[in-house]
Amino acid sequence: MYIAKVIGKVVSLTKHQAYNNRTLLLVKPLSLLNEVVRTPTIAVDYVGAGEGDTVLVGAGPGVAQEIFQINNAPIRELVIGIVDHFDVPDEILNQYADLPT
């Protein structure tokens, strides 16, 4: 599970049936310092998130199959929550302050 920022939607005219009627979002993973930590990825929206939202992204074997009741769901990551705010104690942030970006 990780925190990410929604930076857009992904539109595909031809896709696996597991993606039908589902919104695909382009998300960029964030560190606890609210900085981008790796390249953006695509996640299936489960909560109605939109561009600019900070979200919680989760993944795990079989999670999408269980949630969407699909036997064969090639879905790796799901947007499972919209984050209003998060606090990180200073002692945790200090561990990240000296890491190279």
PDB file of N, CA and C in Angstrom:
ATOM      1  N   MET A   1       0.834  -1.164   0.000  1.00  0.00           N
ATOM      2  CA  MET A   1       0.000   0.000   0.000  1.00  0.00           C
ATOM      3  C   MET A   1       0.889   1.241   0.000  1.00  0.00           C
ATOM      4  N   TYR A   2       0.458   2.270  -0.729  1.00  0.00           N
ATOM      5  CA  TYR A   2       1.233   3.500  -0.761  1.00  0.00           C
ATOM      6  C   TYR A   2       0.322   4.693  -1.041  1.00  0.00           C
ATOM      7  N   ILE A   3       0.850   5.877  -0.771  1.00  0.00           N
ATOM      8  CA  ILE A   3       0.137   7.115  -1.029  1.00  0.00           C
ATOM      9  C   ILE A   3       0.579   7.637  -2.391  1.00  0.00           C
ATOM     10  N   ALA A   4      -0.379   8.174  -3.154  1.00  0.00           N
ATOM     11  CA  ALA A   4      -0.075   8.684  -4.491  1.00  0.00           C
ATOM     12  C   ALA A   4      -0.939   9.899  -4.791  1.00  0.00           C
ATOM     13  N   LYS A   5      -0.551  10.615  -5.838  1.00  0.00           N
ATOM     14  CA  LYS A   5      -1.318  11.763  -6.322  1.00  0.00           C
ATOM     15  C   LYS A   5      -1.878  11.394  -7.690  1.00  0.00           C
ATOM     16  N   VAL A   6      -3.187  11.613  -7.886  1.00  0.00           N
ATOM     17  CA  VAL A   6      -3.811  11.344  -9.188  1.00  0.00           C
ATOM     18  C   VAL A   6      -3.432  12.484 -10.128  1.00  0.00           C
ATOM     19  N   ILE A   7      -2.819  12.124 -11.263  1.00  0.00           N
ATOM     20  CA  ILE A   7      -2.388  13.157 -12.205  1.00  0.00           C
ATOM     21  C   ILE A   7      -3.166  13.113 -13.519  1.00  0.00           C
ATOM     22  N   GLY A   8      -4.082  12.168 -13.645  1.00  0.00           N
ATOM     23  CA  GLY A   8      -4.897  12.118 -14.859  1.00  0.00           C
ATOM     24  C   GLY A   8      -5.652  10.819 -14.997  1.00  0.00           C
ATOM     25  N   LYS A   9      -6.411  10.729 -16.078  1.00  0.00           N
ATOM     26  CA  LYS A   9      -7.161   9.521 -16.416  1.00  0.00           C
ATOM     27  C   LYS A   9      -6.505   8.853 -17.614  1.00  0.00           C
ATOM     28  N   VAL A  10      -6.729   7.556 -17.726  1.00  0.00           N
ATOM     29  CA  VAL A  10      -6.242   6.793 -18.867  1.00  0.00           C
ATOM     30  C   VAL A  10      -7.468   6.319 -19.638  1.00  0.00           C
ATOM     31  N   VAL A  11      -7.494   6.590 -20.938  1.00  0.00           N
ATOM     32  CA  VAL A  11      -8.608   6.179 -21.780  1.00  0.00           C
ATOM     33  C   VAL A  11      -8.105   5.131 -22.759  1.00  0.00           C
ATOM     34  N   SER A  12      -8.843   4.029 -22.850  1.00  0.00           N
ATOM     35  CA  SER A  12      -8.466   2.949 -23.750  1.00  0.00           C
ATOM     36  C   SER A  12      -9.724   2.437 -24.441  1.00  0.00           C
ATOM     37  N   LEU A  13      -9.718   2.439 -25.762  1.00  0.00           N
ATOM     38  CA  LEU A  13     -10.889   1.963 -26.501  1.00  0.00           C
ATOM     39  C   LEU A  13     -10.936   0.443 -26.574  1.00  0.00           C
ATOM     40  N   THR A  14      -9.767  -0.181 -26.615  1.00  0.00           N
ATOM     41  CA  THR A  14      -9.683  -1.628 -26.640  1.00  0.00           C
ATOM     42  C   THR A  14      -8.996  -2.070 -25.368  1.00  0.00           C
ATOM     43  N   LYS A  15      -9.678  -2.916 -24.588  1.00  0.00           N
ATOM     44  CA  LYS A  15      -9.116  -3.323 -23.302  1.00  0.00           C
ATOM     45  C   LYS A  15      -9.711  -4.648 -22.862  1.00  0.00           C
ATOM     46  N   HIS A  16      -9.098  -5.251 -21.872  1.00  0.00           N
ATOM     47  CA  HIS A  16      -9.597  -6.480 -21.279  1.00  0.00           C
ATOM     48  C   HIS A  16     -10.960  -6.201 -20.656  1.00  0.00           C
ATOM     49  N   GLN A  17     -11.858  -7.166 -20.725  1.00  0.00           N
ATOM     50  CA  GLN A  17     -13.219  -6.957 -20.208  1.00  0.00           C
ATOM     51  C   GLN A  17     -13.254  -6.630 -18.711  1.00  0.00           C
ATOM     52  N   ALA A  18     -12.229  -6.980 -17.972  1.00  0.00           N
ATOM     53  CA  ALA A  18     -12.184  -6.653 -16.542  1.00  0.00           C
ATOM     54  C   ALA A  18     -12.139  -5.148 -16.306  1.00  0.00           C
ATOM     55  N   TYR A  19     -11.712  -4.384 -17.335  1.00  0.00           N
ATOM     56  CA  TYR A  19     -11.617  -2.934 -17.212  1.00  0.00           C
ATOM     57  C   TYR A  19     -12.875  -2.208 -17.688  1.00  0.00           C
ATOM     58  N   ASN A  20     -13.841  -2.943 -18.264  1.00  0.00           N
ATOM     59  CA  ASN A  20     -15.066  -2.308 -18.745  1.00  0.00           C
ATOM     60  C   ASN A  20     -15.795  -1.621 -17.598  1.00  0.00           C
ATOM     61  N   ASN A  21     -16.283  -0.413 -17.860  1.00  0.00           N
ATOM     62  CA  ASN A  21     -17.033   0.388 -16.883  1.00  0.00           C
ATOM     63  C   ASN A  21     -16.220   0.729 -15.636  1.00  0.00           C
ATOM     64  N   ARG A  22     -14.908   0.730 -15.748  1.00  0.00           N
ATOM     65  CA  ARG A  22     -14.041   1.099 -14.630  1.00  0.00           C
ATOM     66  C   ARG A  22     -13.161   2.274 -15.073  1.00  0.00           C
ATOM     67  N   THR A  23     -12.903   3.171 -14.142  1.00  0.00           N
ATOM     68  CA  THR A  23     -12.052   4.320 -14.431  1.00  0.00           C
ATOM     69  C   THR A  23     -10.605   3.959 -14.139  1.00  0.00           C
ATOM     70  N   LEU A  24      -9.743   4.232 -15.103  1.00  0.00           N
ATOM     71  CA  LEU A  24      -8.315   3.999 -14.934  1.00  0.00           C
ATOM     72  C   LEU A  24      -7.651   5.340 -14.648  1.00  0.00           C
ATOM     73  N   LEU A  25      -6.882   5.394 -13.580  1.00  0.00           N
ATOM     74  CA  LEU A  25      -6.236   6.635 -13.177  1.00  0.00           C
ATOM     75  C   LEU A  25      -4.721   6.512 -13.279  1.00  0.00           C
ATOM     76  N   LEU A  26      -4.091   7.585 -13.691  1.00  0.00           N
ATOM     77  CA  LEU A  26      -2.635   7.676 -13.700  1.00  0.00           C
ATOM     78  C   LEU A  26      -2.231   8.300 -12.369  1.00  0.00           C
ATOM     79  N   VAL A  27      -1.449   7.571 -11.584  1.00  0.00           N
ATOM     80  CA  VAL A  27      -1.071   8.041 -10.248  1.00  0.00           C
ATOM     81  C   VAL A  27       0.450   8.069 -10.112  1.00  0.00           C
ATOM     82  N   LYS A  28       0.948   9.071  -9.373  1.00  0.00           N
ATOM     83  CA  LYS A  28       2.388   9.121  -9.110  1.00  0.00           C
ATOM     84  C   LYS A  28       2.598   8.854  -7.624  1.00  0.00           C
ATOM     85  N   PRO A  29       3.341   7.791  -7.296  1.00  0.00           N
ATOM     86  CA  PRO A  29       3.612   7.434  -5.903  1.00  0.00           C
ATOM     87  C   PRO A  29       4.393   8.533  -5.185  1.00  0.00           C
ATOM     88  N   LEU A  30       4.031   8.779  -3.922  1.00  0.00           N
ATOM     89  CA  LEU A  30       4.656   9.827  -3.119  1.00  0.00           C
ATOM     90  C   LEU A  30       5.360   9.250  -1.899  1.00  0.00           C
ATOM     91  N   SER A  31       6.393   9.949  -1.450  1.00  0.00           N
ATOM     92  CA  SER A  31       7.068   9.585  -0.205  1.00  0.00           C
ATOM     93  C   SER A  31       6.329  10.224   0.960  1.00  0.00           C
ATOM     94  N   LEU A  32       6.779   9.945   2.171  1.00  0.00           N
ATOM     95  CA  LEU A  32       6.205  10.581   3.357  1.00  0.00           C
ATOM     96  C   LEU A  32       6.487  12.076   3.382  1.00  0.00           C
ATOM     97  N   LEU A  33       7.434  12.515   2.563  1.00  0.00           N
ATOM     98  CA  LEU A  33       7.744  13.938   2.441  1.00  0.00           C
ATOM     99  C   LEU A  33       6.941  14.593   1.324  1.00  0.00           C
ATOM    100  N   ASN A  34       5.984  13.842   0.766  1.00  0.00           N
ATOM    101  CA  ASN A  34       5.109  14.323  -0.303  1.00  0.00           C
ATOM    102  C   ASN A  34       5.882  14.601  -1.591  1.00  0.00           C
ATOM    103  N   GLU A  35       6.943  13.822  -1.833  1.00  0.00           N
ATOM    104  CA  GLU A  35       7.743  13.948  -3.040  1.00  0.00           C
ATOM    105  C   GLU A  35       7.559  12.701  -3.897  1.00  0.00           C
ATOM    106  N   VAL A  36       7.629  12.867  -5.205  1.00  0.00           N
ATOM    107  CA  VAL A  36       7.496  11.737  -6.129  1.00  0.00           C
ATOM    108  C   VAL A  36       8.650  10.768  -5.909  1.00  0.00           C
ATOM    109  N   VAL A  37       8.345   9.465  -5.806  1.00  0.00           N
ATOM    110  CA  VAL A  37       9.389   8.477  -5.534  1.00  0.00           C
ATOM    111  C   VAL A  37       9.686   7.550  -6.711  1.00  0.00           C
ATOM    112  N   ARG A  38       8.788   7.473  -7.670  1.00  0.00           N
ATOM    113  CA  ARG A  38       9.055   6.661  -8.860  1.00  0.00           C
ATOM    114  C   ARG A  38       8.108   7.074  -9.977  1.00  0.00           C
ATOM    115  N   THR A  39       8.260   6.455 -11.117  1.00  0.00           N
ATOM    116  CA  THR A  39       7.455   6.826 -12.273  1.00  0.00           C
ATOM    117  C   THR A  39       5.970   6.544 -12.009  1.00  0.00           C
ATOM    118  N   PRO A  40       5.102   7.298 -12.664  1.00  0.00           N
ATOM    119  CA  PRO A  40       3.659   7.075 -12.491  1.00  0.00           C
ATOM    120  C   PRO A  40       3.244   5.683 -12.948  1.00  0.00           C
ATOM    121  N   THR A  41       2.116   5.241 -12.435  1.00  0.00           N
ATOM    122  CA  THR A  41       1.567   3.934 -12.779  1.00  0.00           C
ATOM    123  C   THR A  41       0.063   4.071 -12.965  1.00  0.00           C
ATOM    124  N   ILE A  42      -0.563   3.034 -13.444  1.00  0.00           N
ATOM    125  CA  ILE A  42      -2.010   3.036 -13.664  1.00  0.00           C
ATOM    126  C   ILE A  42      -2.680   2.210 -12.575  1.00  0.00           C
ATOM    127  N   ALA A  43      -3.762   2.747 -12.030  1.00  0.00           N
ATOM    128  CA  ALA A  43      -4.529   2.039 -11.009  1.00  0.00           C
ATOM    129  C   ALA A  43      -6.010   2.137 -11.347  1.00  0.00           C
ATOM    130  N   VAL A  44      -6.756   1.108 -11.016  1.00  0.00           N
ATOM    131  CA  VAL A  44      -8.202   1.098 -11.227  1.00  0.00           C
ATOM    132  C   VAL A  44      -8.858   1.805 -10.046  1.00  0.00           C
ATOM    133  N   ASP A  45      -9.727   2.754 -10.343  1.00  0.00           N
ATOM    134  CA  ASP A  45     -10.394   3.524  -9.288  1.00  0.00           C
ATOM    135  C   ASP A  45     -11.544   2.721  -8.693  1.00  0.00           C
ATOM    136  N   TYR A  46     -11.580   2.663  -7.369  1.00  0.00           N
ATOM    137  CA  TYR A  46     -12.644   1.954  -6.658  1.00  0.00           C
ATOM    138  C   TYR A  46     -13.474   2.901  -5.802  1.00  0.00           C
ATOM    139  N   VAL A  47     -13.037   4.168  -5.663  1.00  0.00           N
ATOM    140  CA  VAL A  47     -13.687   5.071  -4.703  1.00  0.00           C
ATOM    141  C   VAL A  47     -14.157   6.396  -5.304  1.00  0.00           C
ATOM    142  N   GLY A  48     -13.973   6.620  -6.589  1.00  0.00           N
ATOM    143  CA  GLY A  48     -14.418   7.865  -7.192  1.00  0.00           C
ATOM    144  C   GLY A  48     -13.435   9.011  -7.064  1.00  0.00           C
ATOM    145  N   ALA A  49     -12.160   8.704  -7.090  1.00  0.00           N
ATOM    146  CA  ALA A  49     -11.117   9.737  -6.988  1.00  0.00           C
ATOM    147  C   ALA A  49     -11.025  10.520  -8.292  1.00  0.00           C
ATOM    148  N   GLY A  50     -10.460  11.716  -8.187  1.00  0.00           N
ATOM    149  CA  GLY A  50     -10.305  12.550  -9.373  1.00  0.00           C
ATOM    150  C   GLY A  50      -8.929  13.170  -9.433  1.00  0.00           C
ATOM    151  N   GLU A  51      -8.663  13.834 -10.535  1.00  0.00           N
ATOM    152  CA  GLU A  51      -7.360  14.470 -10.738  1.00  0.00           C
ATOM    153  C   GLU A  51      -7.056  15.458  -9.619  1.00  0.00           C
ATOM    154  N   GLY A  52      -5.836  15.362  -9.088  1.00  0.00           N
ATOM    155  CA  GLY A  52      -5.408  16.223  -7.999  1.00  0.00           C
ATOM    156  C   GLY A  52      -5.609  15.622  -6.617  1.00  0.00           C
ATOM    157  N   ASP A  53      -6.403  14.556  -6.514  1.00  0.00           N
ATOM    158  CA  ASP A  53      -6.625  13.913  -5.218  1.00  0.00           C
ATOM    159  C   ASP A  53      -5.385  13.159  -4.759  1.00  0.00           C
ATOM    160  N   THR A  54      -5.155  13.165  -3.460  1.00  0.00           N
ATOM    161  CA  THR A  54      -4.157  12.297  -2.852  1.00  0.00           C
ATOM    162  C   THR A  54      -4.902  11.025  -2.475  1.00  0.00           C
ATOM    163  N   VAL A  55      -4.375   9.879  -2.872  1.00  0.00           N
ATOM    164  CA  VAL A  55      -5.103   8.621  -2.707  1.00  0.00           C
ATOM    165  C   VAL A  55      -4.238   7.545  -2.061  1.00  0.00           C
ATOM    166  N   LEU A  56      -4.911   6.522  -1.591  1.00  0.00           N
ATOM    167  CA  LEU A  56      -4.266   5.334  -1.060  1.00  0.00           C
ATOM    168  C   LEU A  56      -4.405   4.245  -2.112  1.00  0.00           C
ATOM    169  N   VAL A  57      -3.279   3.685  -2.538  1.00  0.00           N
ATOM    170  CA  VAL A  57      -3.265   2.658  -3.580  1.00  0.00           C
ATOM    171  C   VAL A  57      -2.843   1.340  -2.939  1.00  0.00           C
ATOM    172  N   GLY A  58      -3.590   0.295  -3.224  1.00  0.00           N
ATOM    173  CA  GLY A  58      -3.275  -1.018  -2.684  1.00  0.00           C
ATOM    174  C   GLY A  58      -3.200  -2.048  -3.785  1.00  0.00           C
ATOM    175  N   ALA A  59      -2.482  -3.089  -3.512  1.00  0.00           N
ATOM    176  CA  ALA A  59      -2.346  -4.181  -4.467  1.00  0.00           C
ATOM    177  C   ALA A  59      -2.109  -5.467  -3.703  1.00  0.00           C
ATOM    178  N   GLY A  60      -2.507  -6.532  -4.285  1.00  0.00           N
ATOM    179  CA  GLY A  60      -2.270  -7.827  -3.665  1.00  0.00           C
ATOM    180  C   GLY A  60      -2.888  -8.911  -4.517  1.00  0.00           C
ATOM    181  N   PRO A  61      -2.354 -10.109  -4.470  1.00  0.00           N
ATOM    182  CA  PRO A  61      -2.897 -11.198  -5.266  1.00  0.00           C
ATOM    183  C   PRO A  61      -4.370 -11.449  -4.944  1.00  0.00           C
ATOM    184  N   GLY A  62      -5.205 -11.376  -5.958  1.00  0.00           N
ATOM    185  CA  GLY A  62      -6.611 -11.704  -5.783  1.00  0.00           C
ATOM    186  C   GLY A  62      -7.498 -10.598  -5.235  1.00  0.00           C
ATOM    187  N   VAL A  63      -6.934  -9.455  -4.870  1.00  0.00           N
ATOM    188  CA  VAL A  63      -7.750  -8.381  -4.288  1.00  0.00           C
ATOM    189  C   VAL A  63      -8.789  -7.889  -5.289  1.00  0.00           C
ATOM    190  N   ALA A  64      -8.356  -7.582  -6.508  1.00  0.00           N
ATOM    191  CA  ALA A  64      -9.290  -7.092  -7.521  1.00  0.00           C
ATOM    192  C   ALA A  64     -10.338  -8.148  -7.850  1.00  0.00           C
ATOM    193  N   GLN A  65      -9.928  -9.397  -7.910  1.00  0.00           N
ATOM    194  CA  GLN A  65     -10.887 -10.467  -8.192  1.00  0.00           C
ATOM    195  C   GLN A  65     -11.964 -10.528  -7.115  1.00  0.00           C
ATOM    196  N   GLU A  66     -11.559 -10.377  -5.870  1.00  0.00           N
ATOM    197  CA  GLU A  66     -12.500 -10.418  -4.755  1.00  0.00           C
ATOM    198  C   GLU A  66     -13.432  -9.208  -4.772  1.00  0.00           C
ATOM    199  N   ILE A  67     -12.893  -8.031  -4.975  1.00  0.00           N
ATOM    200  CA  ILE A  67     -13.694  -6.803  -4.936  1.00  0.00           C
ATOM    201  C   ILE A  67     -14.674  -6.732  -6.097  1.00  0.00           C
ATOM    202  N   PHE A  68     -14.203  -7.022  -7.301  1.00  0.00           N
ATOM    203  CA  PHE A  68     -15.046  -6.876  -8.480  1.00  0.00           C
ATOM    204  C   PHE A  68     -15.779  -8.164  -8.870  1.00  0.00           C
ATOM    205  N   GLN A  69     -15.538  -9.245  -8.130  1.00  0.00           N
ATOM    206  CA  GLN A  69     -16.195 -10.531  -8.408  1.00  0.00           C
ATOM    207  C   GLN A  69     -15.962 -10.996  -9.854  1.00  0.00           C
ATOM    208  N   ILE A  70     -14.696 -10.917 -10.265  1.00  0.00           N
ATOM    209  CA  ILE A  70     -14.288 -11.348 -11.603  1.00  0.00           C
ATOM    210  C   ILE A  70     -13.305 -12.495 -11.438  1.00  0.00           C
ATOM    211  N   ASN A  71     -13.544 -13.593 -12.141  1.00  0.00           N
ATOM    212  CA  ASN A  71     -12.670 -14.756 -11.997  1.00  0.00           C
ATOM    213  C   ASN A  71     -11.258 -14.499 -12.504  1.00  0.00           C
ATOM    214  N   ASN A  72     -11.126 -13.758 -13.591  1.00  0.00           N
ATOM    215  CA  ASN A  72      -9.818 -13.520 -14.183  1.00  0.00           C
ATOM    216  C   ASN A  72      -9.628 -12.012 -14.348  1.00  0.00           C
ATOM    217  N   ALA A  73      -9.130 -11.351 -13.308  1.00  0.00           N
ATOM    218  CA  ALA A  73      -8.963  -9.899 -13.348  1.00  0.00           C
ATOM    219  C   ALA A  73      -7.488  -9.536 -13.374  1.00  0.00           C
ATOM    220  N   PRO A  74      -6.980  -9.100 -14.545  1.00  0.00           N
ATOM    221  CA  PRO A  74      -5.573  -8.700 -14.632  1.00  0.00           C
ATOM    222  C   PRO A  74      -5.373  -7.275 -14.117  1.00  0.00           C
ATOM    223  N   ILE A  75      -5.788  -7.052 -12.884  1.00  0.00           N
ATOM    224  CA  ILE A  75      -5.708  -5.730 -12.262  1.00  0.00           C
ATOM    225  C   ILE A  75      -4.673  -5.806 -11.160  1.00  0.00           C
ATOM    226  N   ARG A  76      -3.655  -4.966 -11.252  1.00  0.00           N
ATOM    227  CA  ARG A  76      -2.566  -5.019 -10.278  1.00  0.00           C
ATOM    228  C   ARG A  76      -2.778  -4.063  -9.112  1.00  0.00           C
ATOM    229  N   GLU A  77      -3.218  -2.839  -9.398  1.00  0.00           N
ATOM    230  CA  GLU A  77      -3.327  -1.831  -8.341  1.00  0.00           C
ATOM    231  C   GLU A  77      -4.701  -1.174  -8.353  1.00  0.00           C
ATOM    232  N   LEU A  78      -5.201  -0.891  -7.157  1.00  0.00           N
ATOM    233  CA  LEU A  78      -6.508  -0.269  -6.981  1.00  0.00           C
ATOM    234  C   LEU A  78      -6.381   0.995  -6.149  1.00  0.00           C
ATOM    235  N   VAL A  79      -7.113   2.033  -6.530  1.00  0.00           N
ATOM    236  CA  VAL A  79      -7.252   3.202  -5.668  1.00  0.00           C
ATOM    237  C   VAL A  79      -8.345   2.826  -4.675  1.00  0.00           C
ATOM    238  N   ILE A  80      -7.948   2.694  -3.388  1.00  0.00           N
ATOM    239  CA  ILE A  80      -8.882   2.178  -2.387  1.00  0.00           C
ATOM    240  C   ILE A  80      -9.285   3.211  -1.347  1.00  0.00           C
ATOM    241  N   GLY A  81      -8.776   4.440  -1.469  1.00  0.00           N
ATOM    242  CA  GLY A  81      -9.162   5.486  -0.531  1.00  0.00           C
ATOM    243  C   GLY A  81      -8.674   6.841  -0.983  1.00  0.00           C
ATOM    244  N   ILE A  82      -9.419   7.873  -0.577  1.00  0.00           N
ATOM    245  CA  ILE A  82      -9.005   9.250  -0.828  1.00  0.00           C
ATOM    246  C   ILE A  82      -8.492   9.795   0.498  1.00  0.00           C
ATOM    247  N   VAL A  83      -7.268  10.308   0.479  1.00  0.00           N
ATOM    248  CA  VAL A  83      -6.607  10.790   1.694  1.00  0.00           C
ATOM    249  C   VAL A  83      -6.909  12.277   1.865  1.00  0.00           C
ATOM    250  N   ASP A  84      -7.517  12.626   2.997  1.00  0.00           N
ATOM    251  CA  ASP A  84      -7.775  14.031   3.293  1.00  0.00           C
ATOM    252  C   ASP A  84      -6.523  14.699   3.838  1.00  0.00           C
ATOM    253  N   HIS A  85      -5.803  13.964   4.678  1.00  0.00           N
ATOM    254  CA  HIS A  85      -4.648  14.536   5.359  1.00  0.00           C
ATOM    255  C   HIS A  85      -3.855  13.396   5.993  1.00  0.00           C
ATOM    256  N   PHE A  86      -2.541  13.538   6.049  1.00  0.00           N
ATOM    257  CA  PHE A  86      -1.759  12.566   6.815  1.00  0.00           C
ATOM    258  C   PHE A  86      -0.654  13.282   7.567  1.00  0.00           C
ATOM    259  N   ASP A  87      -0.407  12.809   8.774  1.00  0.00           N
ATOM    260  CA  ASP A  87       0.634  13.362   9.637  1.00  0.00           C
ATOM    261  C   ASP A  87       1.702  12.310   9.846  1.00  0.00           C
ATOM    262  N   VAL A  88       2.945  12.740   9.812  1.00  0.00           N
ATOM    263  CA  VAL A  88       4.064  11.851  10.068  1.00  0.00           C
ATOM    264  C   VAL A  88       4.905  12.491  11.163  1.00  0.00           C
ATOM    265  N   PRO A  89       5.182  11.747  12.244  1.00  0.00           N
ATOM    266  CA  PRO A  89       5.992  12.316  13.325  1.00  0.00           C
ATOM    267  C   PRO A  89       7.366  12.761  12.822  1.00  0.00           C
ATOM    268  N   ASP A  90       7.885  13.830  13.433  1.00  0.00           N
ATOM    269  CA  ASP A  90       9.183  14.381  13.022  1.00  0.00           C
ATOM    270  C   ASP A  90      10.297  13.347  13.070  1.00  0.00           C
ATOM    271  N   GLU A  91      10.289  12.463  14.068  1.00  0.00           N
ATOM    272  CA  GLU A  91      11.363  11.476  14.157  1.00  0.00           C
ATOM    273  C   GLU A  91      11.364  10.523  12.961  1.00  0.00           C
ATOM    274  N   ILE A  92      10.199  10.267  12.382  1.00  0.00           N
ATOM    275  CA  ILE A  92      10.132   9.434  11.175  1.00  0.00           C
ATOM    276  C   ILE A  92      10.606  10.247   9.970  1.00  0.00           C
ATOM    277  N   LEU A  93      10.143  11.482   9.857  1.00  0.00           N
ATOM    278  CA  LEU A  93      10.558  12.326   8.733  1.00  0.00           C
ATOM    279  C   LEU A  93      12.065  12.550   8.720  1.00  0.00           C
ATOM    280  N   ASN A  94      12.677  12.681   9.881  1.00  0.00           N
ATOM    281  CA  ASN A  94      14.129  12.899   9.974  1.00  0.00           C
ATOM    282  C   ASN A  94      14.910  11.732   9.380  1.00  0.00           C
ATOM    283  N   GLN A  95      14.339  10.535   9.417  1.00  0.00           N
ATOM    284  CA  GLN A  95      15.005   9.369   8.827  1.00  0.00           C
ATOM    285  C   GLN A  95      15.099   9.511   7.307  1.00  0.00           C
ATOM    286  N   TYR A  96      14.131  10.211   6.726  1.00  0.00           N
ATOM    287  CA  TYR A  96      14.069  10.361   5.258  1.00  0.00           C
ATOM    288  C   TYR A  96      14.788  11.622   4.773  1.00  0.00           C
ATOM    289  N   ALA A  97      15.007  12.564   5.651  1.00  0.00           N
ATOM    290  CA  ALA A  97      15.560  13.858   5.258  1.00  0.00           C
ATOM    291  C   ALA A  97      16.941  13.741   4.629  1.00  0.00           C
ATOM    292  N   ASP A  98      17.746  12.773   5.060  1.00  0.00           N
ATOM    293  CA  ASP A  98      19.116  12.647   4.566  1.00  0.00           C
ATOM    294  C   ASP A  98      19.256  11.693   3.379  1.00  0.00           C
ATOM    295  N   LEU A  99      18.163  11.083   2.956  1.00  0.00           N
ATOM    296  CA  LEU A  99      18.230  10.159   1.839  1.00  0.00           C
ATOM    297  C   LEU A  99      18.350  10.919   0.528  1.00  0.00           C
ATOM    298  N   PRO A 100      19.097  10.377  -0.430  1.00  0.00           N
ATOM    299  CA  PRO A 100      19.189  11.039  -1.737  1.00  0.00           C
ATOM    300  C   PRO A 100      17.848  10.971  -2.444  1.00  0.00           C
ATOM    301  N   THR A 101      17.536  11.984  -3.216  1.00  0.00           N
ATOM    302  CA  THR A 101      16.266  11.994  -3.941  1.00  0.00           C
ATOM    303  C   THR A 101      16.433  11.637  -5.390  1.00  0.00           C
TER     304      THR A 101
END
